[in-house]
């Protein structure tokens, strides 16, 4: 049982956060391969079917999708015809901008987030629009003051992580209460009712990072 749990954990954490996508000369090939693979899977086309419609071998198609070879324009034209897409669509991932947002201390945008109450101050620390990852992330700095009212009523799509900075609260998630003090983290499915149940020590301040799939 212990070995199975260890194997599951290793499978979940298998992504290397410091891995490079490849040398500069391979970036275009990787981008093309990922786009071809995404289109093929989206249309439910197998390697064998794509091979038959393009005249390319299955091994060559595998190399293209994995970014291990540089396909010729003739090959890309054949793939574009088989996948019913413009040839320019294969370069979409390579041409996408990769953005970064730098928010200096005290410059987060104060906002009224849906469902907030009086005394709950939300500062949005940054926001990226449509991006290649397909994920939207909203990082907030939340401050609860003496006037804050408590309510376990937040409920929304996505995953949320809280990191306690100052003060202390008893935070509800579903039918459980978690005491949070500075340095504590709570990571949860945001579809369950959640929110500060008891304001133990005020003012309380914590980071809330919410992530969810971006809409098409």
N, C-alpha and C. Protein backbone atom coordinates (compact mmCIF):
# COMPACT_ATOMS: atom_id res chain seq x y z
N UNK A 1 0.83 -1.21 0.00
CA UNK A 1 0.00 0.00 0.00
C UNK A 1 0.87 1.25 0.00
N UNK A 2 1.92 1.25 0.87
CA UNK A 2 2.81 2.40 0.96
C UNK A 2 3.53 2.63 -0.37
N UNK A 3 3.93 1.52 -1.03
CA UNK A 3 4.61 1.64 -2.32
C UNK A 3 3.69 2.23 -3.37
N UNK A 4 2.40 1.84 -3.33
CA UNK A 4 1.43 2.37 -4.29
C UNK A 4 1.25 3.87 -4.10
N UNK A 5 1.17 4.31 -2.82
CA UNK A 5 1.00 5.74 -2.55
C UNK A 5 2.22 6.52 -3.04
N UNK A 6 3.41 5.94 -2.82
CA UNK A 6 4.63 6.60 -3.27
C UNK A 6 4.65 6.71 -4.79
N UNK A 7 4.22 5.65 -5.47
CA UNK A 7 4.19 5.65 -6.93
C UNK A 7 3.20 6.69 -7.44
N UNK A 8 2.03 6.79 -6.78
CA UNK A 8 1.02 7.77 -7.19
C UNK A 8 1.57 9.18 -7.03
N UNK A 9 2.27 9.43 -5.91
CA UNK A 9 2.81 10.76 -5.67
C UNK A 9 3.86 11.11 -6.71
N UNK A 10 4.71 10.14 -7.04
CA UNK A 10 5.73 10.39 -8.04
C UNK A 10 5.11 10.67 -9.40
N UNK A 11 4.00 10.00 -9.70
CA UNK A 11 3.32 10.22 -10.98
C UNK A 11 2.75 11.63 -11.04
N UNK A 12 2.16 12.10 -9.93
CA UNK A 12 1.56 13.42 -9.89
C UNK A 12 2.63 14.51 -10.00
N UNK A 13 3.79 14.28 -9.37
CA UNK A 13 4.84 15.29 -9.32
C UNK A 13 5.93 15.04 -10.35
N UNK A 14 5.59 14.39 -11.45
CA UNK A 14 6.60 14.00 -12.43
C UNK A 14 7.10 15.16 -13.28
N UNK A 15 6.35 16.27 -13.32
CA UNK A 15 6.77 17.38 -14.16
C UNK A 15 7.96 18.10 -13.53
N UNK A 16 8.98 18.33 -14.33
CA UNK A 16 10.17 19.04 -13.86
C UNK A 16 9.96 20.54 -14.05
N UNK A 17 9.86 21.32 -12.94
CA UNK A 17 9.58 22.76 -13.09
C UNK A 17 10.72 23.54 -13.72
N UNK A 18 11.92 22.93 -13.80
CA UNK A 18 13.08 23.62 -14.36
C UNK A 18 13.46 23.08 -15.74
N UNK A 19 12.61 22.22 -16.30
CA UNK A 19 12.93 21.62 -17.59
C UNK A 19 12.84 22.65 -18.71
N UNK A 20 13.79 22.61 -19.61
CA UNK A 20 13.77 23.48 -20.78
C UNK A 20 12.99 22.81 -21.90
N UNK A 21 12.33 23.63 -22.72
CA UNK A 21 11.52 23.06 -23.80
C UNK A 21 12.38 22.58 -24.95
N UNK A 22 13.66 22.87 -24.92
CA UNK A 22 14.55 22.43 -26.00
C UNK A 22 15.40 23.58 -26.47
N UNK A 23 16.42 23.27 -27.27
CA UNK A 23 17.28 24.32 -27.79
C UNK A 23 16.52 25.23 -28.72
N UNK A 24 17.10 26.41 -28.96
CA UNK A 24 16.41 27.39 -29.78
C UNK A 24 16.05 26.85 -31.15
N UNK A 25 16.90 26.03 -31.73
CA UNK A 25 16.65 25.52 -33.08
C UNK A 25 15.49 24.53 -33.12
N UNK A 26 15.08 24.02 -31.94
CA UNK A 26 14.00 23.04 -31.90
C UNK A 26 12.66 23.66 -31.51
N UNK A 27 12.62 24.92 -31.09
CA UNK A 27 11.37 25.51 -30.61
C UNK A 27 10.27 25.51 -31.66
N UNK A 28 10.62 25.84 -32.88
CA UNK A 28 9.62 25.87 -33.95
C UNK A 28 9.10 24.48 -34.23
N UNK A 29 9.98 23.50 -34.30
CA UNK A 29 9.56 22.13 -34.55
C UNK A 29 8.63 21.61 -33.46
N UNK A 30 8.97 21.93 -32.21
CA UNK A 30 8.13 21.50 -31.09
C UNK A 30 6.76 22.15 -31.17
N UNK A 31 6.71 23.45 -31.49
CA UNK A 31 5.44 24.15 -31.59
C UNK A 31 4.57 23.56 -32.70
N UNK A 32 5.17 23.27 -33.84
CA UNK A 32 4.44 22.68 -34.96
C UNK A 32 3.91 21.30 -34.57
N UNK A 33 4.78 20.49 -33.96
CA UNK A 33 4.37 19.14 -33.57
C UNK A 33 3.23 19.13 -32.58
N UNK A 34 3.26 20.03 -31.60
CA UNK A 34 2.18 20.09 -30.62
C UNK A 34 0.86 20.49 -31.25
N UNK A 35 0.93 21.42 -32.21
CA UNK A 35 -0.29 21.86 -32.87
C UNK A 35 -0.88 20.76 -33.74
N UNK A 36 -0.03 20.03 -34.45
CA UNK A 36 -0.50 18.92 -35.28
C UNK A 36 -1.14 17.84 -34.40
N UNK A 37 -0.48 17.52 -33.30
CA UNK A 37 -1.01 16.50 -32.40
C UNK A 37 -2.36 16.93 -31.82
N UNK A 38 -2.45 18.21 -31.42
CA UNK A 38 -3.71 18.71 -30.84
C UNK A 38 -4.84 18.62 -31.86
N UNK A 39 -4.57 18.99 -33.10
CA UNK A 39 -5.60 18.94 -34.15
C UNK A 39 -6.00 17.49 -34.45
N UNK A 40 -5.02 16.61 -34.50
CA UNK A 40 -5.31 15.19 -34.78
C UNK A 40 -6.19 14.59 -33.69
N UNK A 41 -5.83 14.83 -32.43
CA UNK A 41 -6.61 14.28 -31.32
C UNK A 41 -7.99 14.90 -31.25
N UNK A 42 -8.06 16.22 -31.52
CA UNK A 42 -9.34 16.91 -31.49
C UNK A 42 -10.31 16.32 -32.50
N UNK A 43 -9.79 15.88 -33.64
CA UNK A 43 -10.63 15.31 -34.69
C UNK A 43 -10.77 13.79 -34.59
N UNK A 44 -10.13 13.20 -33.60
CA UNK A 44 -10.24 11.76 -33.39
C UNK A 44 -9.58 10.94 -34.49
N UNK A 45 -8.49 11.46 -35.05
CA UNK A 45 -7.80 10.78 -36.14
C UNK A 45 -6.62 9.99 -35.57
N UNK A 46 -6.49 8.74 -35.96
CA UNK A 46 -5.39 7.91 -35.49
C UNK A 46 -4.15 8.14 -36.34
N UNK A 47 -3.00 7.67 -35.83
CA UNK A 47 -1.77 7.73 -36.62
C UNK A 47 -1.95 7.00 -37.95
N UNK A 48 -2.58 5.82 -37.89
CA UNK A 48 -2.75 5.02 -39.11
C UNK A 48 -3.60 5.76 -40.13
N UNK A 49 -4.66 6.42 -39.69
CA UNK A 49 -5.54 7.16 -40.61
C UNK A 49 -4.81 8.36 -41.21
N UNK A 50 -4.03 9.07 -40.38
CA UNK A 50 -3.30 10.22 -40.88
C UNK A 50 -2.20 9.78 -41.84
N UNK A 51 -1.61 8.64 -41.55
CA UNK A 51 -0.58 8.09 -42.43
C UNK A 51 -1.16 7.77 -43.80
N UNK A 52 -2.36 7.17 -43.79
CA UNK A 52 -2.99 6.78 -45.05
C UNK A 52 -3.39 8.00 -45.88
N UNK A 53 -3.82 9.07 -45.23
CA UNK A 53 -4.30 10.24 -45.97
C UNK A 53 -3.17 11.17 -46.42
N UNK A 54 -1.99 11.03 -45.82
CA UNK A 54 -0.87 11.91 -46.18
C UNK A 54 0.25 11.20 -46.92
N UNK A 55 0.31 9.87 -46.81
CA UNK A 55 1.40 9.13 -47.41
C UNK A 55 2.66 9.15 -46.56
N UNK A 56 2.57 9.69 -45.36
CA UNK A 56 3.71 9.72 -44.44
C UNK A 56 3.69 8.48 -43.56
N UNK A 57 4.85 7.96 -43.23
CA UNK A 57 4.89 6.79 -42.37
C UNK A 57 4.50 7.16 -40.95
N UNK A 58 4.05 6.15 -40.19
CA UNK A 58 3.68 6.39 -38.79
C UNK A 58 4.89 6.86 -37.99
N UNK A 59 6.05 6.30 -38.26
CA UNK A 59 7.25 6.72 -37.52
C UNK A 59 7.59 8.18 -37.81
N UNK A 60 7.39 8.62 -39.07
CA UNK A 60 7.65 10.02 -39.41
C UNK A 60 6.65 10.94 -38.73
N UNK A 61 5.39 10.52 -38.70
CA UNK A 61 4.37 11.33 -38.01
C UNK A 61 4.69 11.46 -36.54
N UNK A 62 5.17 10.38 -35.93
CA UNK A 62 5.54 10.42 -34.52
C UNK A 62 6.68 11.40 -34.28
N UNK A 63 7.68 11.38 -35.17
CA UNK A 63 8.80 12.31 -35.04
C UNK A 63 8.35 13.76 -35.18
N UNK A 64 7.41 14.00 -36.10
CA UNK A 64 6.91 15.36 -36.31
C UNK A 64 6.17 15.85 -35.07
N UNK A 65 5.28 15.02 -34.53
CA UNK A 65 4.49 15.42 -33.37
C UNK A 65 5.35 15.64 -32.13
N UNK A 66 6.45 14.92 -32.03
CA UNK A 66 7.35 15.06 -30.88
C UNK A 66 8.41 16.12 -31.10
N UNK A 67 8.38 16.81 -32.24
CA UNK A 67 9.33 17.88 -32.51
C UNK A 67 10.73 17.40 -32.77
N UNK A 68 10.86 16.15 -33.21
CA UNK A 68 12.19 15.58 -33.43
C UNK A 68 12.68 15.69 -34.87
N UNK A 69 11.89 16.32 -35.72
CA UNK A 69 12.32 16.51 -37.11
C UNK A 69 11.70 17.80 -37.63
N UNK A 70 12.31 18.34 -38.67
CA UNK A 70 11.81 19.57 -39.26
C UNK A 70 11.06 19.23 -40.55
N UNK A 71 9.73 19.27 -40.55
CA UNK A 71 8.97 18.87 -41.75
C UNK A 71 9.10 19.90 -42.87
N UNK A 72 9.12 19.40 -44.09
CA UNK A 72 9.20 20.29 -45.25
C UNK A 72 7.85 20.95 -45.48
N UNK A 73 7.84 21.98 -46.34
CA UNK A 73 6.59 22.65 -46.67
C UNK A 73 5.62 21.69 -47.36
N UNK A 74 6.15 20.79 -48.18
CA UNK A 74 5.30 19.79 -48.84
C UNK A 74 4.63 18.90 -47.81
N UNK A 75 5.38 18.50 -46.80
CA UNK A 75 4.82 17.67 -45.73
C UNK A 75 3.76 18.43 -44.95
N UNK A 76 4.04 19.69 -44.64
CA UNK A 76 3.07 20.50 -43.90
C UNK A 76 1.80 20.73 -44.71
N UNK A 77 1.95 20.89 -46.03
CA UNK A 77 0.77 21.05 -46.89
C UNK A 77 -0.09 19.79 -46.87
N UNK A 78 0.56 18.64 -46.90
CA UNK A 78 -0.19 17.38 -46.86
C UNK A 78 -0.92 17.23 -45.53
N UNK A 79 -0.26 17.59 -44.44
CA UNK A 79 -0.88 17.50 -43.12
C UNK A 79 -2.02 18.50 -42.98
N UNK A 80 -1.83 19.70 -43.49
CA UNK A 80 -2.88 20.72 -43.42
C UNK A 80 -4.12 20.27 -44.19
N UNK A 81 -3.91 19.66 -45.36
CA UNK A 81 -5.04 19.17 -46.16
C UNK A 81 -5.76 18.03 -45.42
N UNK A 82 -4.99 17.11 -44.83
CA UNK A 82 -5.60 15.98 -44.13
C UNK A 82 -6.35 16.41 -42.88
N UNK A 83 -5.87 17.47 -42.23
CA UNK A 83 -6.49 17.94 -40.99
C UNK A 83 -7.48 19.08 -41.22
N UNK A 84 -7.70 19.42 -42.49
CA UNK A 84 -8.66 20.48 -42.87
C UNK A 84 -8.38 21.78 -42.12
N UNK A 85 -7.14 22.24 -42.18
CA UNK A 85 -6.76 23.46 -41.47
C UNK A 85 -5.76 24.23 -42.32
N UNK A 86 -5.71 25.54 -42.20
CA UNK A 86 -4.69 26.31 -42.94
C UNK A 86 -3.30 25.95 -42.45
N UNK A 87 -2.34 25.96 -43.34
CA UNK A 87 -0.98 25.60 -42.97
C UNK A 87 -0.42 26.57 -41.92
N UNK A 88 -0.93 27.82 -41.93
CA UNK A 88 -0.45 28.81 -40.97
C UNK A 88 -0.83 28.46 -39.53
N UNK A 89 -1.87 27.63 -39.36
CA UNK A 89 -2.30 27.28 -38.00
C UNK A 89 -1.24 26.46 -37.26
N UNK A 90 -0.35 25.80 -38.00
CA UNK A 90 0.70 25.00 -37.36
C UNK A 90 1.71 25.87 -36.62
N UNK A 91 1.77 27.16 -36.97
CA UNK A 91 2.76 28.05 -36.37
C UNK A 91 2.17 28.88 -35.22
N UNK A 92 0.89 28.62 -34.89
CA UNK A 92 0.20 29.45 -33.92
C UNK A 92 0.89 29.45 -32.55
N UNK A 93 1.29 28.27 -32.06
CA UNK A 93 1.90 28.20 -30.73
C UNK A 93 3.26 28.89 -30.71
N UNK A 94 3.98 28.83 -31.83
CA UNK A 94 5.30 29.45 -31.88
C UNK A 94 5.19 30.97 -31.87
N UNK A 95 4.12 31.52 -32.45
CA UNK A 95 3.97 32.96 -32.58
C UNK A 95 3.29 33.60 -31.37
N UNK A 96 2.71 32.79 -30.47
CA UNK A 96 2.01 33.34 -29.32
C UNK A 96 2.96 34.10 -28.41
N UNK A 97 2.49 35.23 -27.90
CA UNK A 97 3.27 35.98 -26.93
C UNK A 97 3.18 35.32 -25.56
N UNK A 98 4.30 35.32 -24.84
CA UNK A 98 4.33 34.83 -23.46
C UNK A 98 4.47 36.03 -22.55
N UNK A 99 3.42 36.32 -21.79
CA UNK A 99 3.37 37.56 -21.02
C UNK A 99 3.80 37.36 -19.57
N UNK A 100 4.20 38.46 -18.96
CA UNK A 100 4.49 38.49 -17.53
C UNK A 100 3.95 39.80 -16.97
N UNK A 101 3.48 39.76 -15.73
CA UNK A 101 2.93 40.95 -15.07
C UNK A 101 3.70 41.19 -13.79
N UNK A 102 4.28 42.38 -13.65
CA UNK A 102 5.03 42.75 -12.46
C UNK A 102 4.22 43.80 -11.70
N UNK A 103 3.77 43.45 -10.49
CA UNK A 103 3.01 44.38 -9.66
C UNK A 103 3.85 44.72 -8.44
N UNK A 104 4.21 45.99 -8.30
CA UNK A 104 5.04 46.42 -7.18
C UNK A 104 4.22 46.50 -5.90
N UNK A 105 4.93 46.49 -4.78
CA UNK A 105 4.28 46.52 -3.47
C UNK A 105 3.33 47.70 -3.38
N UNK A 106 2.10 47.43 -2.95
CA UNK A 106 1.10 48.47 -2.75
C UNK A 106 0.39 48.90 -4.01
N UNK A 107 0.71 48.28 -5.16
CA UNK A 107 0.10 48.71 -6.42
C UNK A 107 -0.95 47.74 -6.95
N UNK A 108 -1.33 46.72 -6.16
CA UNK A 108 -2.39 45.82 -6.59
C UNK A 108 -3.70 46.57 -6.76
N UNK A 109 -4.48 46.18 -7.75
CA UNK A 109 -5.74 46.88 -8.03
C UNK A 109 -6.79 46.44 -7.01
N UNK A 110 -7.28 47.42 -6.23
CA UNK A 110 -8.34 47.10 -5.28
C UNK A 110 -9.64 46.95 -6.04
N UNK A 111 -10.35 45.87 -5.77
CA UNK A 111 -11.55 45.61 -6.54
C UNK A 111 -12.61 44.96 -5.68
N UNK A 112 -13.83 44.98 -6.16
CA UNK A 112 -14.96 44.35 -5.51
C UNK A 112 -15.26 43.06 -6.25
N UNK A 113 -14.78 41.95 -5.73
CA UNK A 113 -14.98 40.66 -6.39
C UNK A 113 -16.39 40.15 -6.10
N UNK A 114 -16.97 39.43 -7.05
CA UNK A 114 -18.32 38.90 -6.87
C UNK A 114 -18.41 38.11 -5.57
N UNK A 115 -19.39 38.45 -4.72
CA UNK A 115 -19.59 37.72 -3.48
C UNK A 115 -18.90 38.32 -2.28
N UNK A 116 -18.12 39.41 -2.46
CA UNK A 116 -17.41 39.99 -1.32
C UNK A 116 -18.38 40.76 -0.43
N UNK A 117 -17.97 40.94 0.83
CA UNK A 117 -18.78 41.67 1.81
C UNK A 117 -18.01 42.89 2.29
N UNK A 118 -18.70 43.74 3.05
CA UNK A 118 -18.07 44.94 3.60
C UNK A 118 -16.91 44.55 4.51
N UNK A 119 -15.81 45.29 4.37
CA UNK A 119 -14.66 45.01 5.22
C UNK A 119 -13.72 43.96 4.67
N UNK A 120 -14.08 43.32 3.56
CA UNK A 120 -13.20 42.35 2.90
C UNK A 120 -12.52 43.08 1.75
N UNK A 121 -11.24 43.40 1.90
CA UNK A 121 -10.52 44.13 0.87
C UNK A 121 -9.77 43.17 -0.03
N UNK A 122 -10.05 43.24 -1.34
CA UNK A 122 -9.41 42.38 -2.34
C UNK A 122 -8.50 43.25 -3.21
N UNK A 123 -7.23 42.86 -3.28
CA UNK A 123 -6.30 43.52 -4.19
C UNK A 123 -5.83 42.50 -5.21
N UNK A 124 -6.19 42.71 -6.48
CA UNK A 124 -5.74 41.83 -7.56
C UNK A 124 -4.28 42.13 -7.86
N UNK A 125 -3.42 41.12 -7.74
CA UNK A 125 -1.98 41.32 -7.86
C UNK A 125 -1.46 41.16 -9.29
N UNK A 126 -2.30 40.73 -10.20
CA UNK A 126 -1.88 40.58 -11.59
C UNK A 126 -2.89 39.77 -12.35
N UNK A 127 -2.87 39.91 -13.67
CA UNK A 127 -3.82 39.15 -14.49
C UNK A 127 -3.26 38.97 -15.88
N UNK A 128 -3.32 37.73 -16.39
CA UNK A 128 -2.96 37.43 -17.77
C UNK A 128 -4.22 37.10 -18.54
N UNK A 129 -4.34 37.64 -19.75
CA UNK A 129 -5.48 37.33 -20.59
C UNK A 129 -5.31 35.95 -21.21
N UNK A 130 -5.95 35.71 -22.36
CA UNK A 130 -5.80 34.42 -23.04
C UNK A 130 -4.33 34.06 -23.22
N UNK A 131 -3.98 32.83 -22.89
CA UNK A 131 -2.58 32.42 -22.95
C UNK A 131 -2.48 30.97 -23.40
N UNK A 132 -1.24 30.54 -23.68
CA UNK A 132 -1.02 29.22 -24.25
C UNK A 132 -1.33 28.09 -23.29
N UNK A 133 -1.32 28.35 -21.99
CA UNK A 133 -1.54 27.27 -21.02
C UNK A 133 -3.00 26.84 -20.96
N UNK A 134 -3.92 27.73 -21.35
CA UNK A 134 -5.34 27.41 -21.25
C UNK A 134 -5.90 27.56 -19.85
N UNK A 135 -5.11 28.16 -18.95
CA UNK A 135 -5.51 28.31 -17.55
C UNK A 135 -5.51 29.78 -17.17
N UNK A 136 -6.54 30.22 -16.44
CA UNK A 136 -6.60 31.57 -15.89
C UNK A 136 -6.22 31.50 -14.43
N UNK A 137 -5.35 32.40 -13.99
CA UNK A 137 -4.94 32.45 -12.59
C UNK A 137 -5.23 33.86 -12.06
N UNK A 138 -5.94 33.93 -10.92
CA UNK A 138 -6.24 35.21 -10.28
C UNK A 138 -5.58 35.24 -8.90
N UNK A 139 -4.51 36.02 -8.72
CA UNK A 139 -3.88 36.13 -7.40
C UNK A 139 -4.41 37.36 -6.65
N UNK A 140 -4.92 37.15 -5.45
CA UNK A 140 -5.47 38.23 -4.65
C UNK A 140 -4.73 38.34 -3.32
N UNK A 141 -4.59 39.57 -2.83
CA UNK A 141 -4.19 39.83 -1.45
C UNK A 141 -5.44 40.26 -0.72
N UNK A 142 -5.88 39.46 0.25
CA UNK A 142 -7.14 39.70 0.96
C UNK A 142 -6.86 40.16 2.38
N UNK A 143 -7.50 41.25 2.77
CA UNK A 143 -7.36 41.80 4.13
C UNK A 143 -8.72 41.82 4.79
N UNK A 144 -8.81 41.22 5.98
CA UNK A 144 -10.04 41.22 6.76
C UNK A 144 -9.83 42.16 7.94
N UNK A 145 -10.72 43.15 8.08
CA UNK A 145 -10.58 44.16 9.13
C UNK A 145 -11.52 43.86 10.28
N UNK A 146 -11.54 44.74 11.25
CA UNK A 146 -12.43 44.59 12.42
C UNK A 146 -13.90 44.56 11.99
N UNK A 147 -14.19 45.26 10.87
CA UNK A 147 -15.58 45.35 10.43
C UNK A 147 -16.00 44.20 9.51
N UNK A 148 -15.10 43.32 9.20
CA UNK A 148 -15.44 42.24 8.28
C UNK A 148 -16.48 41.31 8.87
N UNK A 149 -17.46 40.93 8.07
CA UNK A 149 -18.40 39.93 8.53
C UNK A 149 -17.98 38.57 7.99
N UNK A 150 -18.37 37.51 8.68
CA UNK A 150 -17.95 36.16 8.31
C UNK A 150 -19.09 35.42 7.63
N UNK A 151 -18.75 34.55 6.69
CA UNK A 151 -19.76 33.80 5.96
C UNK A 151 -19.08 32.69 5.17
N UNK A 152 -19.52 31.44 5.31
CA UNK A 152 -18.93 30.33 4.53
C UNK A 152 -19.71 30.11 3.24
N UNK A 153 -19.75 31.14 2.37
CA UNK A 153 -20.64 31.05 1.21
C UNK A 153 -19.94 31.13 -0.14
N UNK A 154 -18.61 31.34 -0.17
CA UNK A 154 -17.95 31.35 -1.48
C UNK A 154 -18.09 29.98 -2.13
N UNK A 155 -18.34 29.97 -3.40
CA UNK A 155 -18.42 28.72 -4.14
C UNK A 155 -18.27 29.06 -5.63
N UNK A 156 -17.22 28.54 -6.25
CA UNK A 156 -16.95 28.89 -7.65
C UNK A 156 -16.11 27.79 -8.28
N UNK A 157 -15.93 27.87 -9.59
CA UNK A 157 -15.15 26.86 -10.31
C UNK A 157 -13.66 27.00 -9.99
N UNK A 158 -12.92 25.93 -10.19
CA UNK A 158 -11.47 26.00 -10.13
C UNK A 158 -10.87 25.46 -8.85
N UNK A 159 -9.57 25.71 -8.73
CA UNK A 159 -8.77 25.31 -7.59
C UNK A 159 -8.28 26.58 -6.90
N UNK A 160 -8.24 26.57 -5.57
CA UNK A 160 -7.80 27.75 -4.84
C UNK A 160 -6.75 27.38 -3.80
N UNK A 161 -5.79 28.28 -3.62
CA UNK A 161 -4.79 28.11 -2.58
C UNK A 161 -4.74 29.36 -1.73
N UNK A 162 -4.76 29.18 -0.41
CA UNK A 162 -4.61 30.28 0.53
C UNK A 162 -3.26 30.17 1.23
N UNK A 163 -2.61 31.32 1.43
CA UNK A 163 -1.37 31.36 2.20
C UNK A 163 -1.51 32.48 3.23
N UNK A 164 -1.51 32.10 4.50
CA UNK A 164 -1.77 33.06 5.58
C UNK A 164 -0.53 33.91 5.85
N UNK A 165 -0.72 35.24 5.88
CA UNK A 165 0.38 36.17 6.09
C UNK A 165 0.35 36.81 7.48
N UNK A 166 -0.82 37.26 7.90
CA UNK A 166 -0.95 37.93 9.20
C UNK A 166 -2.27 37.52 9.85
N UNK A 167 -2.32 37.66 11.19
CA UNK A 167 -3.55 37.36 11.91
C UNK A 167 -3.84 35.87 11.94
N UNK A 168 -5.09 35.54 12.22
CA UNK A 168 -5.51 34.14 12.28
C UNK A 168 -7.00 34.05 12.02
N UNK A 169 -7.41 33.04 11.24
CA UNK A 169 -8.82 32.79 10.98
C UNK A 169 -9.08 31.29 11.05
N UNK A 170 -10.31 30.94 11.38
CA UNK A 170 -10.77 29.56 11.20
C UNK A 170 -11.52 29.54 9.88
N UNK A 171 -11.01 28.78 8.93
CA UNK A 171 -11.51 28.82 7.56
C UNK A 171 -12.29 27.55 7.26
N UNK A 172 -13.49 27.73 6.74
CA UNK A 172 -14.35 26.59 6.41
C UNK A 172 -14.15 26.16 4.96
N UNK A 173 -14.09 24.84 4.76
CA UNK A 173 -14.17 24.26 3.42
C UNK A 173 -15.08 23.05 3.52
N UNK A 174 -16.25 23.12 2.87
CA UNK A 174 -17.22 22.05 3.00
C UNK A 174 -17.69 21.96 4.45
N UNK A 175 -17.58 20.78 5.04
CA UNK A 175 -18.04 20.59 6.42
C UNK A 175 -16.88 20.56 7.42
N UNK A 176 -15.68 21.03 7.01
CA UNK A 176 -14.53 21.04 7.92
C UNK A 176 -14.03 22.46 8.16
N UNK A 177 -13.45 22.67 9.35
CA UNK A 177 -12.88 23.96 9.72
C UNK A 177 -11.38 23.80 9.88
N UNK A 178 -10.62 24.73 9.26
CA UNK A 178 -9.16 24.68 9.32
C UNK A 178 -8.64 25.95 9.99
N UNK A 179 -7.94 25.83 11.12
CA UNK A 179 -7.33 27.01 11.75
C UNK A 179 -6.10 27.44 10.97
N UNK A 180 -6.09 28.69 10.49
CA UNK A 180 -4.98 29.20 9.69
C UNK A 180 -4.23 30.29 10.44
N UNK A 181 -2.92 30.13 10.54
CA UNK A 181 -2.04 31.11 11.15
C UNK A 181 -0.94 31.45 10.16
N UNK A 182 -0.17 32.53 10.40
CA UNK A 182 0.88 32.92 9.45
C UNK A 182 1.79 31.75 9.06
N UNK A 183 1.96 31.56 7.76
CA UNK A 183 2.77 30.47 7.24
C UNK A 183 1.97 29.25 6.84
N UNK A 184 0.71 29.18 7.25
CA UNK A 184 -0.14 28.03 6.90
C UNK A 184 -0.66 28.18 5.47
N UNK A 185 -0.88 27.02 4.84
CA UNK A 185 -1.42 26.97 3.48
C UNK A 185 -2.65 26.07 3.44
N UNK A 186 -3.66 26.47 2.69
CA UNK A 186 -4.84 25.63 2.46
C UNK A 186 -5.07 25.57 0.96
N UNK A 187 -5.13 24.35 0.42
CA UNK A 187 -5.25 24.12 -1.02
C UNK A 187 -6.49 23.27 -1.24
N UNK A 188 -7.45 23.73 -2.08
CA UNK A 188 -8.73 23.03 -2.12
C UNK A 188 -9.49 23.23 -3.43
N UNK A 189 -10.48 22.37 -3.61
CA UNK A 189 -11.43 22.46 -4.72
C UNK A 189 -12.42 23.56 -4.37
N UNK A 190 -12.44 24.62 -5.18
CA UNK A 190 -13.25 25.79 -4.86
C UNK A 190 -14.73 25.60 -5.14
N UNK A 191 -15.13 24.46 -5.68
CA UNK A 191 -16.55 24.20 -5.95
C UNK A 191 -17.33 23.93 -4.68
N UNK A 192 -16.62 23.59 -3.57
CA UNK A 192 -17.29 23.38 -2.28
C UNK A 192 -17.43 24.72 -1.57
N UNK A 193 -18.49 24.91 -0.76
CA UNK A 193 -18.64 26.16 -0.01
C UNK A 193 -17.42 26.40 0.88
N UNK A 194 -16.90 27.62 0.86
CA UNK A 194 -15.71 27.92 1.64
C UNK A 194 -15.68 29.40 2.01
N UNK A 195 -14.97 29.71 3.07
CA UNK A 195 -14.83 31.11 3.50
C UNK A 195 -14.42 31.19 4.95
N UNK A 196 -14.04 32.39 5.42
CA UNK A 196 -13.64 32.57 6.82
C UNK A 196 -14.82 32.40 7.76
N UNK A 197 -14.70 31.46 8.65
CA UNK A 197 -15.79 31.15 9.59
C UNK A 197 -15.67 31.96 10.87
N UNK A 198 -14.46 32.02 11.44
CA UNK A 198 -14.22 32.77 12.68
C UNK A 198 -12.97 33.62 12.49
N UNK A 199 -13.08 34.92 12.77
CA UNK A 199 -11.94 35.82 12.70
C UNK A 199 -11.26 35.79 14.06
N UNK A 200 -10.22 34.99 14.17
CA UNK A 200 -9.59 34.74 15.47
C UNK A 200 -8.70 35.91 15.89
N UNK A 201 -7.89 36.42 14.95
CA UNK A 201 -6.98 37.52 15.26
C UNK A 201 -6.95 38.50 14.09
N UNK A 202 -7.33 39.75 14.39
CA UNK A 202 -7.43 40.76 13.34
C UNK A 202 -6.41 41.88 13.56
N UNK A 203 -6.03 42.57 12.46
CA UNK A 203 -6.43 42.31 11.07
C UNK A 203 -5.79 41.02 10.55
N UNK A 204 -6.49 40.35 9.65
CA UNK A 204 -5.99 39.11 9.05
C UNK A 204 -5.72 39.38 7.57
N UNK A 205 -4.62 38.82 7.08
CA UNK A 205 -4.24 39.05 5.69
C UNK A 205 -3.72 37.73 5.11
N UNK A 206 -4.18 37.39 3.91
CA UNK A 206 -3.70 36.17 3.26
C UNK A 206 -3.76 36.30 1.74
N UNK A 207 -2.93 35.50 1.08
CA UNK A 207 -2.95 35.40 -0.37
C UNK A 207 -3.98 34.37 -0.79
N UNK A 208 -4.75 34.67 -1.81
CA UNK A 208 -5.69 33.73 -2.40
C UNK A 208 -5.37 33.63 -3.89
N UNK A 209 -4.99 32.43 -4.34
CA UNK A 209 -4.64 32.21 -5.75
C UNK A 209 -5.64 31.22 -6.34
N UNK A 210 -6.44 31.70 -7.27
CA UNK A 210 -7.51 30.91 -7.87
C UNK A 210 -7.13 30.59 -9.32
N UNK A 211 -7.27 29.35 -9.73
CA UNK A 211 -6.99 28.96 -11.11
C UNK A 211 -8.15 28.16 -11.66
N UNK A 212 -8.45 28.39 -12.96
CA UNK A 212 -9.55 27.69 -13.61
C UNK A 212 -9.33 27.72 -15.12
N UNK A 213 -9.96 26.81 -15.87
CA UNK A 213 -9.76 26.79 -17.33
C UNK A 213 -10.30 28.05 -17.97
N UNK A 214 -9.57 28.61 -18.93
CA UNK A 214 -10.08 29.78 -19.62
C UNK A 214 -11.13 29.35 -20.64
N UNK A 215 -12.12 30.18 -20.81
CA UNK A 215 -13.20 29.86 -21.74
C UNK A 215 -12.71 30.08 -23.16
N UNK A 216 -13.29 29.31 -24.09
CA UNK A 216 -12.90 29.45 -25.49
C UNK A 216 -13.49 30.71 -26.09
